Amino acid sequence: MGALTLRLPSLTSLSSAAAAAALPRYHFCRQLCAPLRSVSAAKFSVQSSTVEKEIAATPPEIEPASLLPRLQLEKDRVITPRSQDFNAWYLDIIAKAELADYGPVRGTMVIRPYGYAIWEAIQDYLNVKFKETGHSNMYFPQFIPYSFIEKEASHVEGFSPELALVTVGGGKELEEKLVVRPTSETIVNHMFTQWINSYRDLPLMINQWANVTRWEMRTKPFVRTLEFLWQEGHTAHASLEEAEEEALQMIDVYTKFAYEQAAIPVVVGRKSKVETFAGASKTYTIEAMMGDRKALQAGTSHNLGQNFSRAFGTQFMDENGERQHVWQTSWAISTRFIGGIIMTHGDDAGLMLPPNLAPIQVVVVPIWKKADEKAGVLGASSSVKETLQAAGIKVKLDDAEQRTPGWKFNFWEMKGVPLRIEIGPRDVSNGSVVVCRRDIPGKQGKVFGISMESSSLVAYVKGKLDEVQSSLLENAKSFRDSNIVDVRSYSELKEAIAQGKWARGPWSASDTEELKVKEETGATIRCFPFEQPEGAKKCLMTGNPADEVAIFAKSY
C-alpha cells in the first residue's frame, strides 16, 4: 500500500450547480458597502477587478454616473442572502470576514488570523475551566500504530472509513502502518497502562489541544474538514460512579460555555445507542440549532466504561489489593464551534460575534473632512482607544486614511465587531461619541452624545457589550424554541421534519425503528434531553410506554 493519497471532493462541491450559476465571480470596489476582496461562494480568492481599478483612480467623494449601475450590481452581490442559499451565505461570510481559506489539499482549510483569534478565545475560556476541574494539559503523538485501533472492536468499526494511513516513511515501506490521529483513546490507554499501577494514581485527568485527521467525504469549512483542531480530555477513575460524574461535569462545562460565552442555547442530553460514540457506554451531547434549523453537534462527553481499559489491559491495584480495570471518560469541542457561531448569529451583513468571544469588541472610527479637523479627531479617537483598552476592553482604532468611513463601517460589520464608536469634529467639540450596535441595524442601533469622560464611557461600553451578549442569546433561544415541535405520532414527526423543524416526542422504539426514521426522513435522534416533561408517555412509533422524549432533526 502506498503513501497516503487524498481523494476527497472539493469543499466547493457542496454548492449546487444552480447556486454556482446564480453566483458568478464578483469583486468589491472601494466605495461599496462590502469592503472585502471579491469572493464567490465557490471560491475564496480572485484577482482585483477592473471596477476596483477604476474606482481606485476616482476621488473618494465622486462616483461617476457611468459606474453607478455596475456599482449597484457589485453592492447587490456583497453576500448571498441567507434566505436564498444558506450554504452560499455561509461560505461568503467565511471568505469575506477573513476567517478561513481553502488549503492546497482538498478537504483542508487554512484558518486565517481572525478565525484563529476566535479559536484562541474559546481556548482561553476552556483552559481555565479544565484546570479549575483538576485537569492538566499534555500532548500525545499524532501517529498511532494501526494495531492500537484494532484492539477495540467497535472503535475500529466506527472509525475505519475515516482513517488516514501512513505506509511509507523515509522512502521505505513501514513494518506496521500508522494511523494519523482520528481521536486519541487508543494511544492514551497505551500510555495510561504504563502510568497507572495503584488506586493512588487515580483519578488521572488530562487534556490535549491538538489536530485531528478524519477521511470526510462531504466537507464544509469549520463544520467538517479533513483536518480540524480540537481539545480532547481523557480521564481514568477507580469506579463507574466517578467516571459518570466526570462525564456529566464536562458536558456541563460545555453547556455553560455555549450559553455564557458563545450565546448559543444548546439542548443538552444523552445520545441514543445508535448515535453513541464508537467504544463508549454513554455519550452526552450539546446540540445547537443553526439558522437553517439543522442541528449541529457542538460538543460531546463520553463515559467509556471499561471498554478501552479491558482492550488495553489498563488496570490498577485497589485498596483491597485486587487488580481492577479503570473506568474512563473522553470529551471534546472542536473548531466546528466557530461554524456554529457563524450559523447561529450571522446575518446578511456578515458575521455577528458574541462580545465574550470577539477578537475585537469595539472599533473606533475617526471621521473628518477638512485637514484642520484631522489632528483633533485622531487625538480624541486615540484617547478613547487607550481609555477602553486600559479597562480591559478589546478595542481597535481604525485610523487608516486609504478607506472612507462608510467603507470602514461595513468592513467591521462584516467582521462581526459588536460595537462601533464614531468620532467626528462635532463630537470632539461636545466631548462625546456615537456608539453603534452590530446586532441592531440602522439608526435604531445608534446612540449619540455618549460622554468621552473615562469612567462614564467605560461603564456605558461595558453595559452595551453585556446587552449585545444577552440579546444574541435571547434571539437564538427564541428562534430555537419556535422551531421545536412536540409530536405524538410518526406521521406528525415526518410532517415536522418536512417543514425543516425539530421534532420532540416520546420514544422507546428499537434501534431498527430509529434507523428507519433516518432512512425515511433524513432525521436522527439528536439526544434525549436532560430536561424531560413529567407524566405518562407513549412512544410515537410503537404506542408502547416511554420513559423519555427524544429530539429528532436533520443535522450537519
Protein backbone atom coordinates (compact mmCIF):
# COMPACT_ATOMS: atom_id res chain seq x y z
CA MET A 1 0.00 0.00 0.00
CA GLY A 2 1.47 3.36 -1.00
CA ALA A 3 1.70 6.68 0.77
CA LEU A 4 -1.45 8.50 1.76
CA THR A 5 -3.43 9.89 -1.17
CA LEU A 6 -6.37 12.25 -0.72
CA ARG A 7 -9.48 11.55 -2.74
CA LEU A 8 -11.84 13.98 -1.08
CA PRO A 9 -14.12 16.18 -3.15
CA SER A 10 -13.52 19.90 -3.16
CA LEU A 11 -15.23 21.84 -0.38
CA THR A 12 -16.97 23.77 -3.12
CA SER A 13 -18.86 20.70 -4.21
CA LEU A 14 -21.39 21.46 -1.51
CA SER A 15 -22.67 24.40 -3.52
CA SER A 16 -25.23 23.31 -6.06
CA ALA A 17 -24.79 23.86 -9.75
CA ALA A 18 -27.71 26.23 -9.63
CA ALA A 19 -26.12 28.25 -6.89
CA ALA A 20 -22.87 28.36 -8.81
CA ALA A 21 -24.67 29.64 -11.87
CA ALA A 22 -26.54 32.24 -9.87
CA LEU A 23 -23.40 33.39 -8.09
CA PRO A 24 -20.68 34.18 -10.62
CA ARG A 25 -17.38 35.59 -9.51
CA TYR A 26 -17.70 39.14 -8.35
CA HIS A 27 -15.47 41.84 -6.98
CA PHE A 28 -15.52 44.50 -4.35
CA CYS A 29 -14.73 48.10 -5.03
CA ARG A 30 -13.58 50.78 -2.67
CA GLN A 31 -16.80 52.74 -2.35
CA LEU A 32 -19.16 49.84 -1.80
CA CYS A 33 -20.77 48.65 1.40
CA ALA A 34 -18.79 45.41 1.15
CA PRO A 35 -15.14 46.26 1.61
CA LEU A 36 -13.51 42.90 1.11
CA ARG A 37 -11.93 41.25 -1.85
CA SER A 38 -14.32 39.58 -4.26
CA VAL A 39 -15.16 36.04 -3.32
CA SER A 40 -17.87 33.84 -4.70
CA ALA A 41 -19.50 31.09 -2.70
CA ALA A 42 -17.47 28.66 -4.71
CA LYS A 43 -14.04 30.24 -4.30
CA PHE A 44 -12.35 32.32 -1.64
CA SER A 45 -9.78 34.30 -3.65
CA VAL A 46 -9.82 36.06 -7.00
CA GLN A 47 -7.88 38.86 -8.63
CA SER A 48 -8.73 42.57 -8.39
CA SER A 49 -11.42 43.62 -10.83
CA THR A 50 -11.49 46.31 -13.47
CA VAL A 51 -14.18 48.06 -11.45
CA GLU A 52 -11.87 48.24 -8.43
CA LYS A 53 -9.10 49.73 -10.56
CA GLU A 54 -11.46 52.33 -11.97
CA ILE A 55 -12.71 53.30 -8.56
CA ALA A 56 -9.19 53.45 -7.17
CA ALA A 57 -8.42 56.16 -9.67
CA THR A 58 -11.55 58.10 -8.72
CA PRO A 59 -11.63 60.62 -5.83
CA PRO A 60 -13.48 59.16 -2.83
CA GLU A 61 -16.24 61.76 -2.93
CA ILE A 62 -17.10 61.11 -6.60
CA GLU A 63 -18.91 58.18 -8.15
CA PRO A 64 -19.05 58.56 -11.95
CA ALA A 65 -22.58 58.13 -13.30
CA SER A 66 -21.31 55.57 -15.79
CA LEU A 67 -20.21 53.34 -12.95
CA LEU A 68 -23.32 53.58 -10.79
CA PRO A 69 -25.22 50.65 -12.35
CA ARG A 70 -22.14 48.49 -12.05
CA LEU A 71 -21.54 49.67 -8.51
CA GLN A 72 -25.10 48.80 -7.55
CA LEU A 73 -24.67 45.36 -9.12
CA GLU A 74 -21.50 44.80 -7.10
CA LYS A 75 -23.24 46.05 -3.98
CA ASP A 76 -26.16 43.69 -4.51
CA ARG A 77 -23.72 40.78 -4.62
CA VAL A 78 -21.97 41.55 -1.36
CA ILE A 79 -23.28 38.44 0.42
CA THR A 80 -25.68 35.85 -0.86
CA PRO A 81 -28.88 36.39 1.17
CA ARG A 82 -29.22 33.79 3.90
CA SER A 83 -32.79 33.02 2.89
CA GLN A 84 -31.78 32.50 -0.74
CA ASP A 85 -28.94 29.99 -0.28
CA PHE A 86 -27.83 29.25 3.28
CA ASN A 87 -24.71 27.35 2.24
CA ALA A 88 -23.54 30.06 -0.17
CA TRP A 89 -24.24 32.68 2.51
CA TYR A 90 -22.14 30.70 4.98
CA LEU A 91 -19.21 30.37 2.60
CA ASP A 92 -19.41 34.07 1.70
CA ILE A 93 -19.14 35.08 5.35
CA ILE A 94 -16.15 32.81 5.97
CA ALA A 95 -14.39 34.34 2.98
CA LYS A 96 -15.28 37.97 3.42
CA ALA A 97 -14.93 38.13 7.19
CA GLU A 98 -11.49 36.61 6.55
CA LEU A 99 -11.99 33.61 8.82
CA ALA A 100 -10.52 30.89 6.60
CA ASP A 101 -9.44 29.93 3.11
CA TYR A 102 -9.10 26.63 1.28
CA GLY A 103 -5.87 24.69 1.71
CA PRO A 104 -3.97 23.25 -1.28
CA VAL A 105 -5.12 19.72 -0.34
CA ARG A 106 -8.79 19.04 -0.99
CA GLY A 107 -10.85 18.94 2.15
CA THR A 108 -8.46 21.09 4.18
CA MET A 109 -8.68 24.72 5.20
CA VAL A 110 -6.31 27.46 6.30
CA ILE A 111 -7.61 29.21 9.42
CA ARG A 112 -6.79 32.89 8.97
CA PRO A 113 -5.72 35.14 11.89
CA TYR A 114 -9.20 36.48 12.62
CA GLY A 115 -10.71 33.00 12.63
CA TYR A 116 -7.89 31.67 14.76
CA ALA A 117 -8.35 34.53 17.24
CA ILE A 118 -11.89 33.25 17.85
CA TRP A 119 -10.47 29.79 18.48
CA GLU A 120 -7.96 31.32 20.90
CA ALA A 121 -10.83 32.97 22.80
CA ILE A 122 -12.50 29.56 23.06
CA GLN A 123 -9.24 28.05 24.28
CA ASP A 124 -8.70 30.79 26.86
CA TYR A 125 -12.09 30.18 28.48
CA LEU A 126 -11.99 26.37 28.40
CA ASN A 127 -8.39 26.12 29.60
CA VAL A 128 -9.34 27.92 32.79
CA LYS A 129 -12.37 25.65 33.32
CA PHE A 130 -10.36 22.48 32.65
CA LYS A 131 -7.72 23.45 35.19
CA GLU A 132 -10.35 24.51 37.73
CA THR A 133 -11.80 21.00 37.49
CA GLY A 134 -8.43 19.33 38.07
CA HIS A 135 -7.19 18.58 34.53
CA SER A 136 -3.67 19.13 33.18
CA ASN A 137 -2.65 19.81 29.59
CA MET A 138 -0.25 17.49 27.77
CA TYR A 139 0.33 16.18 24.25
CA PHE A 140 0.27 12.77 22.52
CA PRO A 141 1.80 11.89 19.13
CA GLN A 142 -0.42 12.17 16.06
CA PHE A 143 0.84 8.86 14.62
CA ILE A 144 -0.82 5.80 16.13
CA PRO A 145 0.04 2.14 15.36
CA TYR A 146 -2.81 0.55 13.43
CA SER A 147 -2.78 -2.37 15.86
CA PHE A 148 -3.93 0.02 18.61
CA ILE A 149 -7.06 0.90 16.64
CA GLU A 150 -7.83 -2.79 16.11
CA LYS A 151 -7.83 -3.60 19.83
CA GLU A 152 -11.27 -2.11 20.49
CA ALA A 153 -13.70 -3.74 18.05
CA SER A 154 -16.47 -1.14 17.95
CA HIS A 155 -13.89 1.65 17.78
CA VAL A 156 -12.20 0.31 14.66
CA GLU A 157 -15.58 -0.44 13.10
CA GLY A 158 -16.80 3.10 13.76
CA PHE A 159 -13.67 4.87 12.54
CA SER A 160 -12.38 2.59 9.80
CA PRO A 161 -13.97 4.53 6.89
CA GLU A 162 -12.46 7.80 8.16
CA LEU A 163 -8.89 6.64 8.80
CA ALA A 164 -5.91 8.18 7.02
CA LEU A 165 -2.97 5.76 6.93
CA VAL A 166 0.78 6.21 6.52
CA THR A 167 2.52 3.22 4.95
CA VAL A 168 5.81 4.71 3.75
CA GLY A 169 8.37 6.59 5.84
CA GLY A 170 11.90 7.63 4.94
CA GLY A 171 11.42 6.10 1.50
CA LYS A 172 10.75 2.64 2.93
CA GLU A 173 7.64 0.56 3.48
CA LEU A 174 6.74 0.62 7.16
CA GLU A 175 6.57 -2.66 9.06
CA GLU A 176 3.26 -1.53 10.57
CA LYS A 177 1.02 1.08 9.01
CA LEU A 178 0.32 4.16 11.10
CA VAL A 179 -2.98 5.93 11.63
CA VAL A 180 -2.97 9.72 11.55
CA ARG A 181 -4.81 10.61 14.76
CA PRO A 182 -8.62 10.48 14.30
CA THR A 183 -9.01 10.64 18.12
CA SER A 184 -6.68 9.51 20.91
CA GLU A 185 -8.47 6.97 23.11
CA THR A 186 -6.18 4.15 21.96
CA ILE A 187 -2.80 5.83 22.39
CA VAL A 188 -3.98 7.39 25.66
CA ASN A 189 -4.82 3.94 27.01
CA HIS A 190 -1.46 2.61 25.89
CA MET A 191 0.24 5.29 28.00
CA PHE A 192 -2.23 5.09 30.90
CA THR A 193 -1.35 1.40 31.19
CA GLN A 194 2.25 2.41 31.89
CA TRP A 195 1.39 5.24 34.28
CA ILE A 196 -1.37 3.67 36.38
CA ASN A 197 -0.46 0.98 38.90
CA SER A 198 -2.37 1.71 42.10
CA TYR A 199 -5.57 3.39 43.25
CA ARG A 200 -3.23 6.14 44.49
CA ASP A 201 -2.57 7.03 40.81
CA LEU A 202 -6.27 7.78 40.27
CA PRO A 203 -8.03 9.79 39.13
CA LEU A 204 -5.75 10.63 36.20
CA MET A 205 -7.18 13.60 34.31
CA ILE A 206 -5.54 15.16 31.27
CA ASN A 207 -6.43 17.27 28.23
CA GLN A 208 -4.67 17.97 24.98
CA TRP A 209 -5.12 20.67 22.33
CA ALA A 210 -4.35 19.01 19.01
CA ASN A 211 -5.21 18.49 15.37
CA VAL A 212 -7.27 15.53 14.15
CA THR A 213 -7.49 13.91 10.73
CA ARG A 214 -10.65 12.17 9.50
CA TRP A 215 -11.34 11.00 5.97
CA GLU A 216 -14.52 13.01 5.45
CA MET A 217 -16.27 12.55 2.12
CA ARG A 218 -18.52 15.62 2.39
CA THR A 219 -16.80 18.71 3.68
CA LYS A 220 -17.81 22.16 4.87
CA PRO A 221 -15.35 24.73 6.29
CA PHE A 222 -15.13 24.59 10.09
CA VAL A 223 -18.06 22.15 10.31
CA ARG A 224 -16.49 19.13 8.63
CA THR A 225 -12.98 19.07 7.15
CA LEU A 226 -10.22 16.55 6.56
CA GLU A 227 -8.21 18.09 9.39
CA PHE A 228 -9.52 20.17 12.28
CA LEU A 229 -8.42 21.49 15.66
CA TRP A 230 -9.91 20.45 18.96
CA GLN A 231 -9.31 19.73 22.60
CA GLU A 232 -9.79 16.21 23.85
CA GLY A 233 -9.93 15.36 27.51
CA HIS A 234 -9.18 11.88 28.84
CA THR A 235 -9.64 10.64 32.39
CA ALA A 236 -9.27 7.38 34.31
CA HIS A 237 -11.15 6.59 37.55
CA ALA A 238 -11.46 3.88 40.17
CA SER A 239 -15.23 3.47 39.82
CA LEU A 240 -18.10 3.72 37.36
CA GLU A 241 -19.74 6.38 39.54
CA GLU A 242 -16.67 8.61 39.40
CA ALA A 243 -16.45 8.25 35.61
CA GLU A 244 -20.14 9.08 35.22
CA GLU A 245 -19.78 12.14 37.45
CA GLU A 246 -16.82 13.30 35.34
CA ALA A 247 -18.65 12.81 32.03
CA LEU A 248 -21.62 14.83 33.32
CA GLN A 249 -19.37 17.51 34.80
CA MET A 250 -17.65 18.12 31.46
CA ILE A 251 -20.84 18.28 29.41
CA ASP A 252 -21.97 20.87 31.97
CA VAL A 253 -18.76 22.87 31.33
CA TYR A 254 -19.56 22.80 27.61
CA THR A 255 -23.17 23.80 28.20
CA LYS A 256 -22.18 26.83 30.26
CA PHE A 257 -19.60 27.80 27.65
CA ALA A 258 -22.20 27.64 24.88
CA TYR A 259 -24.73 29.76 26.80
CA GLU A 260 -22.44 32.23 28.54
CA GLN A 261 -19.66 32.73 26.01
CA ALA A 262 -21.00 31.77 22.57
CA ALA A 263 -24.61 32.88 23.28
CA ILE A 264 -25.83 29.60 21.76
CA PRO A 265 -28.78 27.99 23.61
CA VAL A 266 -27.82 24.35 23.18
CA VAL A 267 -30.01 21.42 24.13
CA VAL A 268 -28.05 19.09 26.40
CA GLY A 269 -28.82 15.40 26.67
CA ARG A 270 -27.83 11.78 26.09
CA LYS A 271 -27.27 10.21 22.69
CA SER A 272 -29.21 7.14 21.61
CA LYS A 273 -27.39 3.83 21.39
CA VAL A 274 -27.24 4.18 17.60
CA GLU A 275 -25.62 7.63 17.86
CA THR A 276 -23.27 6.82 20.77
CA PHE A 277 -19.52 7.30 20.15
CA ALA A 278 -17.76 4.17 18.92
CA GLY A 279 -16.38 2.44 22.02
CA ALA A 280 -18.38 4.42 24.59
CA SER A 281 -21.02 3.19 27.02
CA LYS A 282 -22.81 6.56 27.04
CA THR A 283 -22.42 9.76 25.06
CA TYR A 284 -23.67 13.13 26.28
CA THR A 285 -24.04 15.96 23.80
CA ILE A 286 -24.88 19.62 23.35
CA GLU A 287 -27.00 20.17 20.23
CA ALA A 288 -27.32 23.63 18.66
CA MET A 289 -29.94 24.82 16.20
CA MET A 290 -28.40 26.64 13.25
CA GLY A 291 -30.04 29.41 11.23
CA ASP A 292 -31.29 26.89 8.67
CA ARG A 293 -32.76 24.85 11.57
CA LYS A 294 -30.36 21.95 11.12
CA ALA A 295 -28.74 20.58 14.27
CA LEU A 296 -25.05 20.90 14.98
CA GLN A 297 -23.44 18.52 17.46
CA ALA A 298 -21.36 21.18 19.20
CA GLY A 299 -19.62 19.15 21.90
CA THR A 300 -19.65 15.65 23.38
CA SER A 301 -18.66 13.89 26.60
CA HIS A 302 -18.33 10.11 26.69
CA ASN A 303 -18.47 7.64 29.53
CA LEU A 304 -16.22 4.94 28.08
CA GLY A 305 -16.90 2.45 30.87
CA GLN A 306 -14.18 -0.20 30.82
CA ASN A 307 -14.28 -0.83 27.08
CA PHE A 308 -10.84 0.60 26.32
CA SER A 309 -9.22 -0.40 29.62
CA ARG A 310 -10.18 -4.02 29.01
CA ALA A 311 -8.89 -3.87 25.44
CA PHE A 312 -5.55 -2.41 26.55
CA GLY A 313 -5.27 -4.02 29.99
CA THR A 314 -5.29 -0.69 31.82
CA GLN A 315 -5.55 -1.84 35.44
CA PHE A 316 -4.86 -0.65 38.97
CA MET A 317 -4.44 -2.29 42.37
CA ASP A 318 -7.41 -1.29 44.53
CA GLU A 319 -7.38 -0.72 48.30
CA ASN A 320 -8.06 -4.41 48.88
CA GLY A 321 -5.05 -5.47 46.82
CA GLU A 322 -7.11 -6.69 43.87
CA ARG A 323 -6.49 -5.81 40.23
CA GLN A 324 -9.29 -3.79 38.59
CA HIS A 325 -9.77 -2.20 35.19
CA VAL A 326 -10.06 1.57 35.27
CA TRP A 327 -13.22 3.42 34.29
CA GLN A 328 -12.72 6.15 31.70
CA THR A 329 -14.13 9.24 30.00
CA SER A 330 -13.26 11.36 27.00
CA TRP A 331 -14.75 14.68 25.88
CA ALA A 332 -14.13 17.21 23.13
CA ILE A 333 -15.01 20.51 21.47
CA SER A 334 -13.54 21.47 18.11
CA THR A 335 -13.24 24.32 15.63
CA ARG A 336 -16.67 23.32 14.33
CA PHE A 337 -17.95 25.54 17.15
CA ILE A 338 -16.79 28.52 15.07
CA GLY A 339 -19.08 27.32 12.30
CA GLY A 340 -21.85 27.11 14.87
CA ILE A 341 -21.32 30.73 15.90
CA ILE A 342 -21.47 31.86 12.27
CA MET A 343 -24.65 29.92 11.50
CA THR A 344 -26.40 30.87 14.74
CA HIS A 345 -25.81 34.63 14.82
CA GLY A 346 -24.74 35.79 11.35
CA ASP A 347 -26.98 37.87 9.08
CA ASP A 348 -26.94 39.25 5.55
CA ALA A 349 -24.42 41.93 6.57
CA GLY A 350 -21.91 39.30 7.68
CA LEU A 351 -20.57 37.80 10.85
CA MET A 352 -22.10 38.70 14.24
CA LEU A 353 -19.89 37.78 17.16
CA PRO A 354 -20.87 37.48 20.82
CA PRO A 355 -18.73 40.04 22.71
CA ASN A 356 -17.32 37.41 25.08
CA LEU A 357 -15.58 35.66 22.15
CA ALA A 358 -15.00 38.58 19.78
CA PRO A 359 -11.30 39.24 18.98
CA ILE A 360 -12.26 42.92 18.69
CA GLN A 361 -15.14 44.09 20.90
CA VAL A 362 -15.09 47.76 19.90
CA VAL A 363 -13.79 49.51 16.79
CA VAL A 364 -13.21 53.26 16.85
CA VAL A 365 -13.67 55.05 13.53
CA PRO A 366 -12.49 58.69 13.30
CA ILE A 367 -14.29 60.93 10.78
CA TRP A 368 -13.08 64.24 9.34
CA LYS A 369 -13.37 66.14 6.08
CA LYS A 370 -11.03 69.11 6.43
CA ALA A 371 -7.32 68.98 7.09
CA ASP A 372 -7.58 71.19 10.18
CA GLU A 373 -10.04 68.73 11.75
CA LYS A 374 -7.77 65.71 11.45
CA ALA A 375 -5.46 66.21 14.44
CA GLY A 376 -8.28 66.86 16.91
CA VAL A 377 -10.35 63.89 15.77
CA LEU A 378 -7.40 61.49 15.75
CA GLY A 379 -6.27 62.71 19.17
CA ALA A 380 -9.70 62.16 20.68
CA SER A 381 -10.02 58.77 18.98
CA SER A 382 -6.65 57.64 20.30
CA SER A 383 -7.61 58.79 23.80
CA VAL A 384 -10.87 56.81 23.64
CA LYS A 385 -8.99 53.73 22.50
CA GLU A 386 -6.49 54.00 25.36
CA THR A 387 -9.28 54.51 27.90
CA LEU A 388 -11.17 51.41 26.79
CA GLN A 389 -8.01 49.33 26.44
CA ALA A 390 -6.96 50.21 29.99
CA ALA A 391 -10.36 48.92 31.16
CA GLY A 392 -9.70 45.51 29.61
CA ILE A 393 -11.90 46.02 26.54
CA LYS A 394 -10.56 44.63 23.26
CA VAL A 395 -10.55 47.71 21.05
CA LYS A 396 -9.15 48.69 17.66
CA LEU A 397 -8.63 52.20 16.28
CA ASP A 398 -9.12 52.18 12.50
CA ASP A 399 -7.26 55.36 11.54
CA ALA A 400 -6.26 54.17 8.06
CA GLU A 401 -6.62 57.01 5.55
CA GLN A 402 -6.89 54.83 2.44
CA ARG A 403 -10.54 53.94 3.15
CA THR A 404 -13.61 56.09 3.71
CA PRO A 405 -15.60 55.95 6.98
CA GLY A 406 -18.51 54.28 5.17
CA TRP A 407 -16.20 51.57 3.87
CA LYS A 408 -14.91 51.00 7.40
CA PHE A 409 -18.41 50.81 8.85
CA ASN A 410 -19.32 47.98 6.53
CA PHE A 411 -15.97 46.26 6.84
CA TRP A 412 -16.24 45.96 10.62
CA GLU A 413 -19.89 44.97 10.40
CA MET A 414 -18.78 42.21 8.07
CA LYS A 415 -16.24 41.12 10.71
CA GLY A 416 -18.96 41.00 13.36
CA VAL A 417 -17.45 43.54 15.79
CA PRO A 418 -20.15 44.07 18.49
CA LEU A 419 -19.77 47.85 18.93
CA ARG A 420 -18.57 50.71 16.74
CA ILE A 421 -17.64 54.15 18.09
CA GLU A 422 -17.72 57.07 15.66
CA ILE A 423 -15.90 60.32 16.44
CA GLY A 424 -16.17 63.44 14.27
CA PRO A 425 -15.28 67.14 14.74
CA ARG A 426 -18.63 67.95 16.36
CA ASP A 427 -18.21 65.04 18.78
CA VAL A 428 -14.76 66.34 19.74
CA SER A 429 -16.23 69.79 20.44
CA ASN A 430 -19.02 68.27 22.55
CA GLY A 431 -16.75 65.81 24.35
CA SER A 432 -18.93 62.92 23.22
CA VAL A 433 -19.01 59.92 20.87
CA VAL A 434 -21.55 57.97 18.81
CA VAL A 435 -21.99 54.28 19.72
CA CYS A 436 -23.46 51.76 17.24
CA ARG A 437 -24.54 48.17 17.98
CA ARG A 438 -23.83 45.44 15.43
CA ASP A 439 -26.91 43.44 16.42
CA ILE A 440 -29.34 46.34 15.83
CA PRO A 441 -29.03 47.65 12.25
CA GLY A 442 -29.52 51.24 11.16
CA LYS A 443 -30.45 54.25 13.26
CA GLN A 444 -32.15 52.10 15.92
CA GLY A 445 -28.78 50.74 16.98
CA LYS A 446 -27.03 54.13 17.04
CA VAL A 447 -26.82 56.34 20.15
CA PHE A 448 -25.46 59.92 20.02
CA GLY A 449 -23.92 62.07 22.71
CA ILE A 450 -22.19 59.46 24.88
CA SER A 451 -19.69 61.24 27.11
CA MET A 452 -15.97 60.77 26.46
CA GLU A 453 -15.27 61.07 30.19
CA SER A 454 -13.35 57.93 31.07
CA SER A 455 -15.47 56.37 33.80
CA SER A 456 -18.75 57.19 32.05
CA LEU A 457 -17.57 55.87 28.70
CA VAL A 458 -16.16 52.64 30.12
CA ALA A 459 -19.33 51.94 32.10
CA TYR A 460 -21.52 52.65 29.08
CA VAL A 461 -19.49 50.47 26.70
CA LYS A 462 -19.31 47.55 29.12
CA GLY A 463 -23.05 47.80 29.66
CA LYS A 464 -23.71 47.77 25.93
CA LEU A 465 -21.43 44.78 25.40
CA ASP A 466 -23.40 42.91 28.06
CA GLU A 467 -26.64 43.91 26.32
CA VAL A 468 -25.40 42.61 22.98
CA GLN A 469 -24.29 39.32 24.57
CA SER A 470 -27.70 38.86 26.22
CA SER A 471 -29.61 39.92 23.12
CA LEU A 472 -27.83 37.39 20.91
CA LEU A 473 -28.64 34.59 23.36
CA GLU A 474 -32.28 35.60 23.71
CA ASN A 475 -32.77 35.90 19.95
CA ALA A 476 -31.20 32.48 19.37
CA LYS A 477 -33.30 30.97 22.16
CA SER A 478 -36.50 32.43 20.71
CA PHE A 479 -35.60 31.08 17.26
CA ARG A 480 -34.83 27.64 18.69
CA ASP A 481 -37.99 27.36 20.75
CA SER A 482 -40.22 28.49 17.89
CA ASN A 483 -38.81 25.72 15.70
CA ILE A 484 -39.20 22.72 18.04
CA VAL A 485 -42.49 20.87 17.55
CA ASP A 486 -43.95 18.41 20.06
CA VAL A 487 -45.20 15.32 18.24
CA ARG A 488 -47.18 12.26 19.34
CA SER A 489 -47.09 10.07 16.23
CA TYR A 490 -44.70 9.12 13.46
CA SER A 491 -46.82 10.99 10.91
CA GLU A 492 -46.52 14.16 13.00
CA LEU A 493 -42.77 13.62 13.24
CA LYS A 494 -42.45 13.28 9.47
CA GLU A 495 -44.51 16.43 8.95
CA ALA A 496 -42.36 18.44 11.36
CA ILE A 497 -39.13 17.25 9.74
CA ALA A 498 -40.53 18.01 6.27
CA GLN A 499 -41.10 21.57 7.45
CA GLY A 500 -37.46 21.81 8.49
CA LYS A 501 -38.21 21.82 12.22
CA TRP A 502 -37.01 19.75 15.17
CA ALA A 503 -39.47 17.11 16.38
CA ARG A 504 -39.71 16.28 20.07
CA GLY A 505 -41.69 13.24 21.15
CA PRO A 506 -41.80 10.14 23.39
CA TRP A 507 -39.53 7.35 22.21
CA SER A 508 -38.89 3.77 23.33
CA ALA A 509 -38.68 2.04 19.96
CA SER A 510 -35.87 -0.22 18.74
CA ASP A 511 -32.61 0.66 17.03
CA THR A 512 -34.06 -0.73 13.81
CA GLU A 513 -37.00 1.65 14.00
CA GLU A 514 -34.65 4.53 14.77
CA LEU A 515 -32.70 3.74 11.60
CA LYS A 516 -36.00 3.59 9.71
CA VAL A 517 -36.73 7.18 10.75
CA LYS A 518 -33.32 8.23 9.48
CA GLU A 519 -33.82 6.42 6.17
CA GLU A 520 -37.31 7.81 5.57
CA THR A 521 -36.89 11.39 6.85
CA GLY A 522 -33.16 12.12 6.93
CA ALA A 523 -33.50 12.96 10.64
CA THR A 524 -31.71 11.32 13.56
CA ILE A 525 -32.20 11.34 17.30
CA ARG A 526 -30.09 14.29 18.37
CA CYS A 527 -30.50 13.45 22.04
CA PHE A 528 -32.76 12.51 24.92
CA PRO A 529 -32.78 15.92 26.65
CA PHE A 530 -31.89 16.12 30.31
CA GLU A 531 -34.98 18.29 30.77
CA GLN A 532 -37.89 15.88 30.45
CA PRO A 533 -41.65 16.50 30.75
CA GLU A 534 -43.48 14.82 33.60
CA GLY A 535 -46.33 12.35 33.24
CA ALA A 536 -47.05 9.13 31.38
CA LYS A 537 -45.87 8.93 27.78
CA LYS A 538 -46.41 6.61 24.83
CA CYS A 539 -43.82 6.01 22.14
CA LEU A 540 -44.68 7.96 18.99
CA MET A 541 -43.63 4.98 16.85
CA THR A 542 -44.98 1.93 18.70
CA GLY A 543 -47.51 3.26 21.19
CA ASN A 544 -45.70 1.41 23.99
CA PRO A 545 -44.88 3.15 27.28
CA ALA A 546 -41.94 5.53 27.01
CA ASP A 547 -39.86 6.99 29.84
CA GLU A 548 -38.31 9.80 27.80
CA VAL A 549 -38.87 12.17 24.92
CA ALA A 550 -36.25 12.40 22.17
CA ILE A 551 -35.44 15.21 19.77
CA PHE A 552 -35.22 14.34 16.07
CA ALA A 553 -33.69 16.67 13.49
CA LYS A 554 -31.66 16.80 10.32
CA SER A 555 -28.08 17.69 11.11
CA TYR A 556 -24.64 18.65 9.87
